[in-house]
Amino acid sequence: MTTGFHVTIRADTLHTFLPAMSTDITSLSASELSDAIHARQVSCVDVMQAYLQRIERLNPVCNAIVNRAADETLLAEARQCDEQLSRGQSRGWLHGIPQAIKDTRSEEHTSELQSHW
């Protein structure tokens, strides 16, 4: 298991995207993260890796994420978002930002949670 990740942020723009005294991607606001992604200061893969590590670290305590896709699937989607940006395509300001949809179904309906997109 890895404990870190590689993030590429130009030193001259670091202060623009990261709060003072922090280099944690997950501490950015949604608009700061969007700006950093669209300016190609951080990759969508870097962002996904950071959030997956945060989920791995915190979810055993708070159990907030109960149904998620495999890491490999999520990282493949993040790579696809990076490829789209490299072609000048964006899905909008949330492009490349990991999102978790609140699951409000009872446990008896968990078999219905499988999505087919």
C-alpha atoms as a PDB file:
ATOM      1  CA  MET A   1       0.000   0.000   0.000  1.00  0.00           C
ATOM      2  CA  THR A   2       1.335   3.435  -0.867  1.00  0.00           C
ATOM      3  CA  THR A   3       1.096   6.305   1.554  1.00  0.00           C
ATOM      4  CA  GLY A   4       1.736   9.188  -0.796  1.00  0.00           C
ATOM      5  CA  PHE A   5       1.070  10.459  -4.258  1.00  0.00           C
ATOM      6  CA  HIS A   6       2.825  12.636  -6.763  1.00  0.00           C
ATOM      7  CA  VAL A   7       1.361  16.017  -7.579  1.00  0.00           C
ATOM      8  CA  THR A   8       2.837  18.334 -10.168  1.00  0.00           C
ATOM      9  CA  ILE A   9       2.252  21.992  -9.302  1.00  0.00           C
ATOM     10  CA  ARG A  10       4.462  24.736 -10.643  1.00  0.00           C
ATOM     11  CA  ALA A  11       6.221  26.436  -7.740  1.00  0.00           C
ATOM     12  CA  ASP A  12       5.390  29.924  -9.028  1.00  0.00           C
ATOM     13  CA  THR A  13       1.652  29.174  -8.898  1.00  0.00           C
ATOM     14  CA  LEU A  14       1.508  27.085  -5.725  1.00  0.00           C
ATOM     15  CA  HIS A  15       0.257  29.980  -3.602  1.00  0.00           C
ATOM     16  CA  THR A  16      -2.602  30.581  -6.035  1.00  0.00           C
ATOM     17  CA  PHE A  17      -4.127  27.153  -5.556  1.00  0.00           C
ATOM     18  CA  LEU A  18      -3.171  25.915  -2.098  1.00  0.00           C
ATOM     19  CA  PRO A  19      -4.079  27.522   1.209  1.00  0.00           C
ATOM     20  CA  ALA A  20      -1.203  28.796   3.335  1.00  0.00           C
ATOM     21  CA  MET A  21       0.816  26.071   5.070  1.00  0.00           C
ATOM     22  CA  SER A  22      -0.881  23.259   3.119  1.00  0.00           C
ATOM     23  CA  THR A  23      -0.023  21.150   0.105  1.00  0.00           C
ATOM     24  CA  ASP A  24      -3.026  18.814   0.468  1.00  0.00           C
ATOM     25  CA  ILE A  25      -5.221  18.792  -2.636  1.00  0.00           C
ATOM     26  CA  THR A  26      -8.203  17.795  -0.521  1.00  0.00           C
ATOM     27  CA  SER A  27      -7.983  21.074   1.403  1.00  0.00           C
ATOM     28  CA  LEU A  28      -8.815  23.111  -1.704  1.00  0.00           C
ATOM     29  CA  SER A  29     -12.298  24.521  -2.172  1.00  0.00           C
ATOM     30  CA  ALA A  30     -14.241  23.266  -5.186  1.00  0.00           C
ATOM     31  CA  SER A  31     -13.575  26.481  -7.108  1.00  0.00           C
ATOM     32  CA  GLU A  32      -9.846  26.438  -6.254  1.00  0.00           C
ATOM     33  CA  LEU A  33      -9.628  22.808  -7.314  1.00  0.00           C
ATOM     34  CA  SER A  34     -11.489  23.532 -10.550  1.00  0.00           C
ATOM     35  CA  ASP A  35      -9.135  26.412 -11.317  1.00  0.00           C
ATOM     36  CA  ALA A  36      -6.079  24.228 -10.632  1.00  0.00           C
ATOM     37  CA  ILE A  37      -7.407  21.391 -12.804  1.00  0.00           C
ATOM     38  CA  HIS A  38      -8.334  23.660 -15.707  1.00  0.00           C
ATOM     39  CA  ALA A  39      -4.995  25.489 -15.485  1.00  0.00           C
ATOM     40  CA  ARG A  40      -3.384  22.016 -15.612  1.00  0.00           C
ATOM     41  CA  GLN A  41      -1.597  22.708 -12.326  1.00  0.00           C
ATOM     42  CA  VAL A  42      -2.875  19.382 -10.955  1.00  0.00           C
ATOM     43  CA  SER A  43      -4.060  16.395 -12.935  1.00  0.00           C
ATOM     44  CA  CYS A  44      -7.426  14.743 -12.474  1.00  0.00           C
ATOM     45  CA  VAL A  45      -5.544  11.536 -11.633  1.00  0.00           C
ATOM     46  CA  ASP A  46      -3.609  13.330  -8.870  1.00  0.00           C
ATOM     47  CA  VAL A  47      -6.880  14.660  -7.496  1.00  0.00           C
ATOM     48  CA  MET A  48      -8.555  11.240  -7.576  1.00  0.00           C
ATOM     49  CA  GLN A  49      -5.565   9.596  -5.892  1.00  0.00           C
ATOM     50  CA  ALA A  50      -5.615  12.210  -3.137  1.00  0.00           C
ATOM     51  CA  TYR A  51      -9.313  11.694  -2.495  1.00  0.00           C
ATOM     52  CA  LEU A  52      -9.040   7.899  -2.591  1.00  0.00           C
ATOM     53  CA  GLN A  53      -6.285   8.088   0.021  1.00  0.00           C
ATOM     54  CA  ARG A  54      -8.422  10.404   2.151  1.00  0.00           C
ATOM     55  CA  ILE A  55     -11.379   8.023   1.890  1.00  0.00           C
ATOM     56  CA  GLU A  56      -9.143   5.082   2.824  1.00  0.00           C
ATOM     57  CA  ARG A  57      -7.852   6.989   5.847  1.00  0.00           C
ATOM     58  CA  LEU A  58     -11.137   8.441   7.142  1.00  0.00           C
ATOM     59  CA  ASN A  59     -13.904   6.122   5.996  1.00  0.00           C
ATOM     60  CA  PRO A  60     -13.210   3.324   8.514  1.00  0.00           C
ATOM     61  CA  VAL A  61     -14.093   5.824  11.251  1.00  0.00           C
ATOM     62  CA  CYS A  62     -17.055   7.657   9.704  1.00  0.00           C
ATOM     63  CA  ASN A  63     -18.355   5.059   7.194  1.00  0.00           C
ATOM     64  CA  ALA A  64     -19.562   7.834   4.887  1.00  0.00           C
ATOM     65  CA  ILE A  65     -18.834   5.985   1.623  1.00  0.00           C
ATOM     66  CA  VAL A  66     -20.697   2.681   1.610  1.00  0.00           C
ATOM     67  CA  ASN A  67     -20.822   1.888  -2.109  1.00  0.00           C
ATOM     68  CA  ARG A  68     -18.089   2.978  -4.512  1.00  0.00           C
ATOM     69  CA  ALA A  69     -16.539   1.847  -7.737  1.00  0.00           C
ATOM     70  CA  ALA A  70     -13.160   0.105  -7.744  1.00  0.00           C
ATOM     71  CA  ASP A  71     -10.108   2.364  -7.514  1.00  0.00           C
ATOM     72  CA  GLU A  72      -8.965   1.216 -10.971  1.00  0.00           C
ATOM     73  CA  THR A  73     -12.303   2.286 -12.485  1.00  0.00           C
ATOM     74  CA  LEU A  74     -12.202   5.676 -10.784  1.00  0.00           C
ATOM     75  CA  LEU A  75      -8.593   6.271 -11.843  1.00  0.00           C
ATOM     76  CA  ALA A  76      -9.457   5.307 -15.443  1.00  0.00           C
ATOM     77  CA  GLU A  77     -12.255   7.894 -15.394  1.00  0.00           C
ATOM     78  CA  ALA A  78      -9.797  10.478 -14.043  1.00  0.00           C
ATOM     79  CA  ARG A  79      -7.338   9.649 -16.867  1.00  0.00           C
ATOM     80  CA  GLN A  80     -10.176  10.133 -19.349  1.00  0.00           C
ATOM     81  CA  CYS A  81     -10.864  13.568 -17.844  1.00  0.00           C
ATOM     82  CA  ASP A  82      -7.161  14.465 -18.214  1.00  0.00           C
ATOM     83  CA  GLU A  83      -7.217  13.317 -21.841  1.00  0.00           C
ATOM     84  CA  GLN A  84     -10.285  15.460 -22.525  1.00  0.00           C
ATOM     85  CA  LEU A  85      -8.555  18.514 -21.069  1.00  0.00           C
ATOM     86  CA  SER A  86      -5.486  17.831 -23.219  1.00  0.00           C
ATOM     87  CA  ARG A  87      -7.809  18.069 -26.247  1.00  0.00           C
ATOM     88  CA  GLY A  88      -9.281  21.336 -24.979  1.00  0.00           C
ATOM     89  CA  GLN A  89     -12.522  19.706 -23.865  1.00  0.00           C
ATOM     90  CA  SER A  90     -14.141  20.331 -20.490  1.00  0.00           C
ATOM     91  CA  ARG A  91     -17.406  19.128 -19.001  1.00  0.00           C
ATOM     92  CA  GLY A  92     -17.681  22.365 -17.030  1.00  0.00           C
ATOM     93  CA  TRP A  93     -16.356  23.690 -13.760  1.00  0.00           C
ATOM     94  CA  LEU A  94     -16.724  20.301 -11.996  1.00  0.00           C
ATOM     95  CA  HIS A  95     -14.619  18.543 -14.650  1.00  0.00           C
ATOM     96  CA  GLY A  96     -12.263  16.091 -12.917  1.00  0.00           C
ATOM     97  CA  ILE A  97     -13.543  16.770  -9.409  1.00  0.00           C
ATOM     98  CA  PRO A  98     -14.455  13.570  -7.537  1.00  0.00           C
ATOM     99  CA  GLN A  99     -18.048  13.500  -6.381  1.00  0.00           C
ATOM    100  CA  ALA A 100     -19.892  11.205  -4.000  1.00  0.00           C
ATOM    101  CA  ILE A 101     -23.640  10.987  -4.274  1.00  0.00           C
ATOM    102  CA  LYS A 102     -25.481  10.587  -0.965  1.00  0.00           C
ATOM    103  CA  ASP A 103     -27.011   7.134  -0.661  1.00  0.00           C
ATOM    104  CA  THR A 104     -30.397   7.482   1.047  1.00  0.00           C
ATOM    105  CA  ARG A 105     -31.796   3.976   0.506  1.00  0.00           C
ATOM    106  CA  SER A 106     -32.332   1.611   3.406  1.00  0.00           C
ATOM    107  CA  GLU A 107     -30.195  -1.505   3.775  1.00  0.00           C
ATOM    108  CA  GLU A 108     -32.991  -3.742   2.486  1.00  0.00           C
ATOM    109  CA  HIS A 109     -32.691  -1.965  -0.877  1.00  0.00           C
ATOM    110  CA  THR A 110     -28.893  -2.142  -1.237  1.00  0.00           C
ATOM    111  CA  SER A 111     -29.165  -4.615  -4.130  1.00  0.00           C
ATOM    112  CA  GLU A 112     -30.829  -1.792  -6.100  1.00  0.00           C
ATOM    113  CA  LEU A 113     -27.772   0.459  -5.714  1.00  0.00           C
ATOM    114  CA  GLN A 114     -25.864  -0.925  -8.671  1.00  0.00           C
ATOM    115  CA  SER A 115     -25.812   1.727 -11.372  1.00  0.00           C
ATOM    116  CA  HIS A 116     -25.404   0.984 -15.038  1.00  0.00           C
ATOM    117  CA  TRP A 117     -24.168   4.125 -16.799  1.00  0.00           C
END
